[in-house]
Amino acid sequence: MVTRQEQILPDFCASSLNNIAEPLIIIKKDFTLDYVNQAVAGQSEKNPVGEKCYQILQARETPCEPCPCRTAFEKGKPFRTIRTFGHNGNKSQKEFCAYPVFDARGEVSHAIEVIQDVPTYLLASDSPRSEIQKETPMPLDTAKPFEQKEEIAFCGMIGRSKKMRGMFELIRLVAPSNATVLIYGESGTGKERVAQGIHQLSPRRQKPFVAIDCGALPETLLESELFGHVKGAFTGAISNKKGLFEEAEGGTLFLDEISDTSLLFQSKLLRALQEGEARPVGGNRSVKVNVRMIAATNRSLKEGIAKKTFREDLYYRLAVMPIMIPPLRGRLDDIPLLVKHFIERYASQNNKGPMSLSKEASELLLRMPWKGNVRELENVIERGVLVSQSAEIALESLLIEEEVTSLGYAPSASLFSSTQEAMSKVERERIIESLHECKGNKAMAARALGISRASFYNKLRRYQIPVSR
């Protein structure tokens, strides 16, 4: 007997759709559910087929605004929107993708909607609410890939410059595939964050994301970490150990700074990629592995090939889809967004109220070379939030004297004095904290701080710290 759900699925197998991890629904123009996969059905106490989608999925009495499916019905084109939710201080984002289904007359009869989580760290700064806080509708029009101007947060990355929006679109295109990806980017640009974004938008998102810094380990240890080892393979190998290839089974393996590896290691990695097998160190049998490989480098691998320090065959194996992360100095439009995000983060972490940059400090940040990119900017802003004694972060509070001097700025207060003042404040707080922990015992507090009693007493007088006799 043909069920109601199967009647509207002439070209699909209902069992296949049920195996999709993300919630998937098919609705009619009156928003009645004609099909739901197991990810949706498993969350409902009763059969949701025949019910209104907005009542079942959103607990609403009226259709959502904007509604991706309604747009798909009206325009006959795919439509996507990202919504931000907040409840009890927790925030999350979900992506709603709607696709029109045409009947034999060429008219839209149904819409397919897929819902998935989208990781991000830049959410609305409003007070938490249970309803939708922010929506960013974006048409899925491949002919106009860069018209998503309102999207400033994507998989934990922040940016609305043309270069960043182009990179976001490239991530969307490559994520659903199993193609290996090679990420280029200077230190501090966020190569691992890009790799995580690809993983989160891929069919492998429910499986592990495993990262390793190839430049941080010697060759022998790197091989053992990646491929595992058997008992007795070397001194200290007291038991069998799984490698990261096996730990990442079904998921994504991210190799950072791949350019720092030796030719011998590269040959073993190439074999693992080609054969889909990993042989533990000291073992005589290989283990079948199913992982997606993403590699990253801050140096040109083609230069490494020319210098005979990187295998050409491995390069072409890795660079099926290359992604270039623009340096911060090449996307100045994004600096104000990043600054706002970091100020809000560190002001909140340090129990400070709303803060902002002074005009002088803002001008300096737009002129700096940012050799450390986003990581350097984050450090500067965190320092400014910690040091600033007012709601406006002055130039002096950023403590970047070298850049101020080289760019011709002449701040009203000495940066050296500001630095000393900040250090003195931190030292005073440490002394007070140590005294509290030692219940006022000055000798114990001095030992806890690693300074002599004489020095400790001098600091008590200098900072005018009252102590009980």
Protein backbone atom coordinates (compact mmCIF):
# COMPACT_ATOMS: atom_id res chain seq x y z
CA MET A 1 0.00 0.00 0.00
CA VAL A 2 1.35 3.40 -0.98
CA THR A 3 1.42 5.84 1.92
CA ARG A 4 0.56 9.51 1.74
CA GLN A 5 4.21 10.48 2.15
CA GLU A 6 5.34 8.16 -0.64
CA GLN A 7 2.72 9.58 -3.04
CA ILE A 8 4.55 12.92 -3.20
CA LEU A 9 8.00 11.33 -3.51
CA PRO A 10 7.97 9.77 -6.99
CA ASP A 11 11.63 10.53 -7.57
CA PHE A 12 12.96 9.91 -4.08
CA CYS A 13 13.23 7.08 -1.64
CA ALA A 14 11.64 7.97 1.69
CA SER A 15 14.06 5.74 3.57
CA SER A 16 17.03 7.68 2.14
CA LEU A 17 15.56 10.99 3.27
CA ASN A 18 14.98 9.54 6.72
CA ASN A 19 18.72 8.89 7.03
CA ILE A 20 19.57 12.59 6.59
CA ALA A 21 20.73 13.89 9.97
CA GLU A 22 19.28 17.40 9.52
CA PRO A 23 15.55 18.10 9.91
CA LEU A 24 13.91 17.97 6.46
CA ILE A 25 10.28 18.73 5.62
CA ILE A 26 8.13 18.99 2.49
CA ILE A 27 5.16 21.37 2.65
CA LYS A 28 2.33 22.55 0.47
CA LYS A 29 1.49 26.18 -0.26
CA ASP A 30 -0.86 26.33 2.71
CA PHE A 31 2.10 25.34 4.96
CA THR A 32 0.69 21.86 5.57
CA LEU A 33 3.36 19.24 6.17
CA ASP A 34 3.27 16.49 3.54
CA TYR A 35 6.50 14.80 4.62
CA VAL A 36 8.94 14.93 7.52
CA ASN A 37 12.08 12.85 7.92
CA GLN A 38 13.01 10.99 11.08
CA ALA A 39 14.98 13.95 12.48
CA VAL A 40 11.67 15.88 12.67
CA ALA A 41 9.31 13.00 13.44
CA GLY A 42 11.49 11.85 16.35
CA GLN A 43 10.95 15.19 18.11
CA SER A 44 7.15 15.08 17.94
CA GLU A 45 4.83 13.10 20.18
CA LYS A 46 2.24 12.74 17.40
CA ASN A 47 2.51 12.36 13.65
CA PRO A 48 3.22 15.91 12.36
CA VAL A 49 2.13 15.13 8.77
CA GLY A 50 -0.98 17.14 7.98
CA GLU A 51 -0.18 19.80 10.58
CA LYS A 52 1.01 23.36 9.90
CA CYS A 53 4.81 23.57 9.80
CA TYR A 54 5.03 26.78 11.83
CA GLN A 55 2.94 25.25 14.61
CA ILE A 56 5.02 22.07 14.79
CA LEU A 57 8.52 23.53 14.27
CA GLN A 58 8.26 27.03 15.73
CA ALA A 59 5.27 26.80 18.12
CA ARG A 60 3.74 29.80 16.35
CA GLU A 61 0.16 30.61 15.38
CA THR A 62 1.15 32.37 12.18
CA PRO A 63 3.80 31.72 9.50
CA CYS A 64 7.34 32.92 10.19
CA GLU A 65 8.50 36.24 8.75
CA PRO A 66 10.42 35.98 6.53
CA CYS A 67 9.44 32.44 5.56
CA PRO A 68 11.97 30.70 3.29
CA CYS A 69 9.30 28.36 1.88
CA ARG A 70 6.92 31.21 1.07
CA THR A 71 9.71 32.95 -0.83
CA ALA A 72 10.44 29.69 -2.68
CA PHE A 73 6.75 29.44 -3.61
CA GLU A 74 6.48 33.03 -4.80
CA LYS A 75 9.77 33.34 -6.70
CA GLY A 76 10.32 29.73 -7.73
CA LYS A 77 13.92 29.96 -6.53
CA PRO A 78 15.87 28.54 -3.57
CA PHE A 79 16.02 30.79 -0.54
CA ARG A 80 18.09 30.71 2.65
CA THR A 81 17.88 32.59 5.91
CA ILE A 82 19.90 32.42 9.11
CA ARG A 83 18.05 33.00 12.37
CA THR A 84 19.51 33.69 15.78
CA PHE A 85 17.74 32.32 18.85
CA GLY A 86 18.32 33.08 22.52
CA HIS A 87 17.03 31.42 25.68
CA ASN A 88 18.30 31.61 29.28
CA GLY A 89 21.45 33.39 28.13
CA ASN A 90 22.32 30.76 25.51
CA LYS A 91 22.39 31.74 21.86
CA SER A 92 22.44 29.67 18.69
CA GLN A 93 21.98 30.09 14.97
CA LYS A 94 20.07 27.90 12.55
CA GLU A 95 20.11 27.95 8.77
CA PHE A 96 16.80 27.43 6.95
CA CYS A 97 17.16 26.44 3.27
CA ALA A 98 14.04 26.17 1.09
CA TYR A 99 13.88 24.67 -2.42
CA PRO A 100 10.87 24.79 -4.77
CA VAL A 101 9.42 21.56 -6.21
CA PHE A 102 7.75 21.90 -9.64
CA ASP A 103 4.86 19.83 -10.96
CA ALA A 104 4.33 18.59 -14.55
CA ARG A 105 2.93 22.01 -15.57
CA GLY A 106 6.03 23.80 -14.34
CA GLU A 107 4.29 25.34 -11.35
CA VAL A 108 5.61 25.21 -7.80
CA SER A 109 3.57 22.63 -5.91
CA HIS A 110 5.68 22.01 -2.83
CA ALA A 111 8.77 23.31 -1.05
CA ILE A 112 11.54 21.30 0.58
CA GLU A 113 13.06 22.89 3.66
CA VAL A 114 16.27 21.74 5.39
CA ILE A 115 17.30 23.07 8.81
CA GLN A 116 20.80 22.89 10.23
CA ASP A 117 22.85 24.46 13.01
CA VAL A 118 25.36 27.15 12.05
CA PRO A 119 28.21 27.79 14.54
CA THR A 120 29.00 31.46 15.14
CA TYR A 121 30.44 33.64 17.86
CA LEU A 122 28.98 36.98 16.82
CA LEU A 123 25.35 36.95 17.91
CA ALA A 124 22.97 39.75 18.71
CA SER A 125 24.06 41.77 21.74
CA ASP A 126 20.49 42.31 22.94
CA SER A 127 19.30 40.85 26.23
CA PRO A 128 18.35 37.17 25.92
CA ARG A 129 14.84 36.45 24.67
CA SER A 130 13.01 33.28 23.79
CA GLU A 131 11.84 34.54 20.41
CA ILE A 132 13.86 35.15 17.26
CA GLN A 133 16.39 37.92 17.84
CA LYS A 134 17.83 38.54 14.40
CA GLU A 135 17.22 37.26 10.90
CA THR A 136 19.46 37.63 7.88
CA PRO A 137 17.66 36.49 4.74
CA MET A 138 19.92 35.62 1.82
CA PRO A 139 18.78 34.35 -1.59
CA LEU A 140 20.55 31.30 -2.94
CA ASP A 141 21.15 32.89 -6.32
CA THR A 142 24.39 31.51 -7.75
CA ALA A 143 24.49 34.23 -10.38
CA LYS A 144 24.88 36.82 -7.61
CA PRO A 145 27.10 35.18 -5.00
CA PHE A 146 28.26 38.40 -3.35
CA GLU A 147 24.96 40.14 -2.65
CA GLN A 148 24.76 38.84 0.92
CA LYS A 149 25.81 42.18 2.37
CA GLU A 150 24.15 41.79 5.72
CA GLU A 151 25.99 38.60 6.67
CA ILE A 152 28.81 39.53 9.02
CA ALA A 153 29.13 36.28 11.00
CA PHE A 154 29.80 32.98 9.29
CA CYS A 155 30.87 29.81 11.08
CA GLY A 156 32.59 31.79 13.82
CA MET A 157 34.30 34.16 11.38
CA ILE A 158 33.52 37.87 11.17
CA GLY A 159 33.65 39.98 8.04
CA ARG A 160 31.57 41.73 5.41
CA SER A 161 34.34 42.85 3.07
CA LYS A 162 34.18 41.55 -0.49
CA LYS A 163 37.19 39.29 0.08
CA MET A 164 35.66 37.65 3.14
CA ARG A 165 32.24 37.24 1.54
CA GLY A 166 33.95 35.59 -1.42
CA MET A 167 35.74 33.21 0.93
CA PHE A 168 32.50 32.42 2.75
CA GLU A 169 30.86 31.53 -0.56
CA LEU A 170 33.79 29.30 -1.49
CA ILE A 171 33.48 27.48 1.85
CA ARG A 172 29.79 26.89 1.16
CA LEU A 173 30.58 25.43 -2.24
CA VAL A 174 33.36 23.10 -1.11
CA ALA A 175 31.93 21.99 2.26
CA PRO A 176 29.38 19.40 0.98
CA SER A 177 32.05 17.50 -0.98
CA ASN A 178 34.84 15.18 0.19
CA ALA A 179 37.52 17.11 -1.71
CA THR A 180 40.77 17.81 0.11
CA VAL A 181 41.29 21.49 0.86
CA LEU A 182 44.51 23.49 1.16
CA ILE A 183 44.17 26.69 3.17
CA TYR A 184 46.68 29.50 2.69
CA GLY A 185 46.95 32.24 5.27
CA GLU A 186 49.39 34.24 7.33
CA SER A 187 49.78 33.52 11.03
CA GLY A 188 46.78 34.74 12.97
CA THR A 189 44.32 34.83 10.08
CA GLY A 190 42.24 31.92 11.39
CA LYS A 191 43.16 28.91 9.27
CA GLU A 192 41.80 26.43 11.80
CA ARG A 193 38.57 28.42 12.07
CA VAL A 194 38.11 28.08 8.29
CA ALA A 195 38.72 24.35 8.52
CA GLN A 196 36.15 24.08 11.32
CA GLY A 197 33.66 25.98 9.18
CA ILE A 198 34.11 23.55 6.30
CA HIS A 199 33.62 20.65 8.69
CA GLN A 200 30.51 22.16 10.30
CA LEU A 201 28.83 22.70 6.93
CA SER A 202 29.76 19.26 5.61
CA PRO A 203 27.88 15.94 5.86
CA ARG A 204 30.62 14.90 8.32
CA ARG A 205 29.61 17.49 10.94
CA GLN A 206 28.35 14.83 13.37
CA LYS A 207 31.75 13.11 13.33
CA PRO A 208 35.00 14.32 14.96
CA PHE A 209 37.04 17.32 13.87
CA VAL A 210 40.66 16.58 14.80
CA ALA A 211 43.46 19.15 14.43
CA ILE A 212 47.21 18.86 14.77
CA ASP A 213 50.00 21.41 14.36
CA CYS A 214 52.62 19.64 12.24
CA GLY A 215 55.25 22.25 13.03
CA ALA A 216 55.00 21.77 16.78
CA LEU A 217 56.16 18.13 16.88
CA PRO A 218 59.37 16.34 15.83
CA GLU A 219 58.98 13.97 12.90
CA THR A 220 58.98 10.72 14.90
CA LEU A 221 56.36 11.97 17.34
CA LEU A 222 54.26 13.48 14.55
CA GLU A 223 54.15 10.15 12.71
CA SER A 224 53.13 8.34 15.89
CA GLU A 225 50.43 10.91 16.65
CA LEU A 226 49.00 10.73 13.15
CA PHE A 227 49.26 7.03 12.33
CA GLY A 228 49.39 5.54 15.84
CA HIS A 229 51.86 2.88 16.99
CA VAL A 230 51.93 -0.70 18.20
CA LYS A 231 53.28 -1.92 21.49
CA GLY A 232 57.07 -2.09 21.47
CA ALA A 233 57.47 0.04 18.34
CA PHE A 234 59.92 2.27 20.22
CA THR A 235 61.10 2.97 23.74
CA GLY A 236 58.12 4.00 25.80
CA ALA A 237 55.52 2.39 23.53
CA ILE A 238 54.05 0.22 26.29
CA SER A 239 50.72 -0.37 24.52
CA ASN A 240 48.99 0.01 21.18
CA LYS A 241 47.81 3.54 20.45
CA LYS A 242 45.33 4.79 17.87
CA GLY A 243 46.49 7.60 15.64
CA LEU A 244 44.58 10.73 14.73
CA PHE A 245 43.56 9.15 11.41
CA GLU A 246 41.53 6.62 13.38
CA GLU A 247 40.37 9.16 15.96
CA ALA A 248 38.90 11.27 13.14
CA GLU A 249 37.13 8.30 11.50
CA GLY A 250 34.20 9.55 9.47
CA GLY A 251 35.08 13.16 10.20
CA THR A 252 37.73 15.73 9.29
CA LEU A 253 41.47 15.73 9.94
CA PHE A 254 43.13 19.15 9.89
CA LEU A 255 46.90 19.35 9.42
CA ASP A 256 48.15 22.83 10.23
CA GLU A 257 51.52 24.10 8.95
CA ILE A 258 51.93 21.18 6.57
CA SER A 259 54.92 22.96 5.01
CA ASP A 260 56.99 22.25 8.14
CA THR A 261 56.99 18.47 7.61
CA SER A 262 59.89 16.41 6.21
CA LEU A 263 59.94 14.72 2.81
CA LEU A 264 59.88 11.31 4.48
CA PHE A 265 56.74 12.16 6.43
CA GLN A 266 55.17 13.64 3.30
CA SER A 267 55.66 10.38 1.41
CA LYS A 268 53.88 8.43 4.18
CA LEU A 269 51.06 10.97 4.26
CA LEU A 270 50.68 10.77 0.47
CA ARG A 271 50.35 7.00 0.63
CA ALA A 272 47.70 7.27 3.34
CA LEU A 273 45.71 9.70 1.20
CA GLN A 274 45.99 7.60 -1.95
CA GLU A 275 45.22 4.25 -0.36
CA GLY A 276 42.81 5.40 2.35
CA GLU A 277 44.89 3.45 4.85
CA ALA A 278 47.03 4.31 7.87
CA ARG A 279 49.82 1.99 9.02
CA PRO A 280 50.76 2.38 12.71
CA VAL A 281 54.44 2.88 13.53
CA GLY A 282 56.00 -0.55 14.04
CA GLY A 283 52.96 -2.34 12.63
CA ASN A 284 52.77 -4.68 9.65
CA ARG A 285 49.10 -4.12 8.84
CA SER A 286 47.33 -1.02 7.62
CA VAL A 287 44.00 0.20 8.95
CA LYS A 288 41.30 1.46 6.59
CA VAL A 289 40.37 5.06 7.37
CA ASN A 290 37.63 7.34 6.14
CA VAL A 291 38.53 10.97 6.81
CA ARG A 292 38.41 14.23 4.95
CA MET A 293 41.79 15.93 4.82
CA ILE A 294 42.22 19.69 5.21
CA ALA A 295 45.73 21.12 5.31
CA ALA A 296 46.98 24.64 5.96
CA THR A 297 50.20 26.58 5.49
CA ASN A 298 51.49 30.11 5.95
CA ARG A 299 54.16 29.64 3.27
CA SER A 300 54.03 29.02 -0.47
CA LEU A 301 54.16 25.28 -1.14
CA LYS A 302 55.15 25.94 -4.74
CA GLU A 303 58.30 27.63 -3.45
CA GLY A 304 58.87 24.54 -1.31
CA ILE A 305 58.53 22.38 -4.42
CA ALA A 306 61.12 24.53 -6.21
CA LYS A 307 63.48 24.21 -3.25
CA LYS A 308 62.91 20.44 -3.03
CA THR A 309 61.48 20.71 0.48
CA PHE A 310 57.91 19.74 -0.45
CA ARG A 311 56.67 16.90 -2.63
CA GLU A 312 54.94 18.04 -5.79
CA ASP A 313 52.65 14.99 -5.91
CA LEU A 314 51.47 15.63 -2.35
CA TYR A 315 50.83 19.28 -3.21
CA TYR A 316 48.47 18.36 -6.04
CA ARG A 317 46.81 15.78 -3.83
CA LEU A 318 46.11 18.38 -1.15
CA ALA A 319 45.31 21.40 -3.31
CA VAL A 320 42.17 20.04 -4.94
CA MET A 321 40.43 23.12 -3.59
CA PRO A 322 42.75 25.94 -2.44
CA ILE A 323 41.34 28.66 -0.17
CA MET A 324 43.22 31.89 0.48
CA ILE A 325 42.46 33.78 3.70
CA PRO A 326 43.05 37.52 3.16
CA PRO A 327 45.34 39.23 5.69
CA LEU A 328 43.74 41.76 8.02
CA ARG A 329 45.51 44.68 6.35
CA GLY A 330 43.79 43.64 3.11
CA ARG A 331 40.27 43.88 4.58
CA LEU A 332 40.23 47.08 6.60
CA ASP A 333 36.42 47.26 6.37
CA ASP A 334 36.27 44.35 8.80
CA ILE A 335 38.40 45.93 11.53
CA PRO A 336 35.52 47.93 13.12
CA LEU A 337 33.39 44.76 13.25
CA LEU A 338 36.17 42.75 14.86
CA VAL A 339 36.98 45.54 17.31
CA LYS A 340 33.34 45.77 18.41
CA HIS A 341 33.16 41.99 18.83
CA PHE A 342 36.36 41.75 20.88
CA ILE A 343 35.47 44.74 23.08
CA GLU A 344 32.09 43.20 23.90
CA ARG A 345 33.68 39.82 24.63
CA TYR A 346 36.42 41.03 26.96
CA ALA A 347 34.32 43.71 28.63
CA SER A 348 31.82 41.01 29.50
CA GLN A 349 34.50 38.58 30.70
CA ASN A 350 36.00 41.23 32.97
CA ASN A 351 32.66 42.47 34.33
CA LYS A 352 32.94 45.87 32.69
CA GLY A 353 30.10 47.85 31.20
CA PRO A 354 29.75 48.97 27.57
CA MET A 355 33.04 50.23 26.17
CA SER A 356 34.24 51.83 22.94
CA LEU A 357 37.43 53.04 21.28
CA SER A 358 38.46 56.66 21.18
CA LYS A 359 38.70 58.32 17.78
CA GLU A 360 42.50 58.46 18.05
CA ALA A 361 42.72 54.73 18.86
CA SER A 362 40.34 53.82 16.03
CA GLU A 363 42.43 55.75 13.51
CA LEU A 364 45.59 54.00 14.65
CA LEU A 365 44.10 50.52 14.31
CA LEU A 366 43.14 51.23 10.69
CA ARG A 367 46.72 52.26 9.88
CA MET A 368 48.62 49.46 11.56
CA PRO A 369 50.30 46.73 9.43
CA TRP A 370 48.85 43.86 11.53
CA LYS A 371 51.61 41.33 10.99
CA GLY A 372 49.83 39.06 13.47
CA ASN A 373 46.45 39.64 11.80
CA VAL A 374 43.24 38.92 13.73
CA ARG A 375 45.09 37.26 16.60
CA GLU A 376 47.21 40.39 17.10
CA LEU A 377 44.15 42.65 16.93
CA GLU A 378 42.37 40.53 19.52
CA ASN A 379 45.36 40.76 21.88
CA VAL A 380 45.52 44.54 21.48
CA ILE A 381 41.81 44.96 22.23
CA GLU A 382 41.92 42.62 25.23
CA ARG A 383 44.84 44.62 26.61
CA GLY A 384 42.97 47.88 26.05
CA VAL A 385 39.87 46.61 27.85
CA LEU A 386 41.93 45.40 30.84
CA VAL A 387 43.97 48.60 31.19
CA SER A 388 41.30 51.22 30.48
CA GLN A 389 39.85 52.92 33.55
CA SER A 390 36.93 54.46 31.68
CA ALA A 391 34.25 53.42 29.19
CA GLU A 392 36.28 54.93 26.34
CA ILE A 393 39.48 53.05 25.53
CA ALA A 394 42.13 55.67 24.89
CA LEU A 395 45.10 55.24 22.59
CA GLU A 396 47.44 54.95 25.58
CA SER A 397 45.49 51.98 26.95
CA LEU A 398 46.33 49.86 23.89
CA LEU A 399 50.02 49.86 24.93
CA ILE A 400 51.41 49.74 21.40
CA GLU A 401 54.15 52.37 21.60
CA GLU A 402 56.16 51.06 18.63
CA GLU A 403 53.27 51.46 16.20
CA VAL A 404 52.31 54.86 17.63
CA THR A 405 55.86 56.16 17.13
CA SER A 406 56.30 54.72 13.62
CA LEU A 407 52.95 56.12 12.43
CA GLY A 408 53.65 59.59 13.74
CA TYR A 409 51.15 59.73 16.60
CA ALA A 410 51.93 61.86 19.66
CA PRO A 411 49.56 60.80 22.44
CA SER A 412 48.95 63.22 25.27
CA ALA A 413 50.17 60.82 27.97
CA SER A 414 53.33 58.76 27.98
CA LEU A 415 52.77 55.18 26.87
CA PHE A 416 55.60 54.12 29.11
CA SER A 417 53.86 55.68 32.08
CA SER A 418 50.61 53.99 31.12
CA THR A 419 52.34 50.64 30.90
CA GLN A 420 53.96 51.12 34.28
CA GLU A 421 50.64 52.17 35.77
CA ALA A 422 48.94 49.06 34.41
CA MET A 423 51.69 46.78 35.70
CA SER A 424 51.57 48.43 39.12
CA LYS A 425 47.82 47.92 39.28
CA VAL A 426 48.15 44.24 38.48
CA GLU A 427 50.97 43.82 41.04
CA ARG A 428 48.96 45.56 43.76
CA GLU A 429 45.98 43.31 43.13
CA ARG A 430 48.20 40.22 43.29
CA ILE A 431 49.63 41.30 46.66
CA ILE A 432 46.17 41.93 48.09
CA GLU A 433 44.96 38.58 46.80
CA SER A 434 47.99 36.80 48.26
CA LEU A 435 47.45 38.42 51.66
CA HIS A 436 43.83 37.34 51.61
CA GLU A 437 44.74 33.76 50.73
CA CYS A 438 47.38 33.68 53.48
CA LYS A 439 44.91 35.19 55.98
CA GLY A 440 47.08 38.26 56.51
CA ASN A 441 50.34 36.39 57.14
CA LYS A 442 52.88 38.64 55.41
CA ALA A 443 55.74 36.13 55.48
CA MET A 444 53.61 33.45 53.83
CA ALA A 445 52.29 35.94 51.28
CA ALA A 446 55.85 36.98 50.35
CA ARG A 447 56.85 33.34 49.86
CA ALA A 448 53.75 32.69 47.75
CA LEU A 449 54.72 35.60 45.50
CA GLY A 450 58.35 34.46 45.31
CA ILE A 451 59.82 37.69 46.68
CA SER A 452 61.81 38.54 49.82
CA ARG A 453 60.11 39.87 52.93
CA ALA A 454 61.97 43.18 52.59
CA SER A 455 60.76 43.63 49.02
CA PHE A 456 57.26 42.63 50.09
CA TYR A 457 57.17 45.29 52.84
CA ASN A 458 58.48 47.92 50.40
CA LYS A 459 55.64 47.14 48.01
CA LEU A 460 53.10 47.36 50.83
CA ARG A 461 54.29 50.91 51.54
CA ARG A 462 54.55 51.88 47.87
CA TYR A 463 51.03 50.75 47.06
CA GLN A 464 49.64 51.93 50.41
CA ILE A 465 48.10 48.56 51.15
CA PRO A 466 46.61 48.49 54.66
CA VAL A 467 47.49 45.38 56.65
CA SER A 468 46.60 44.25 60.13
CA ARG A 469 49.43 44.34 62.68
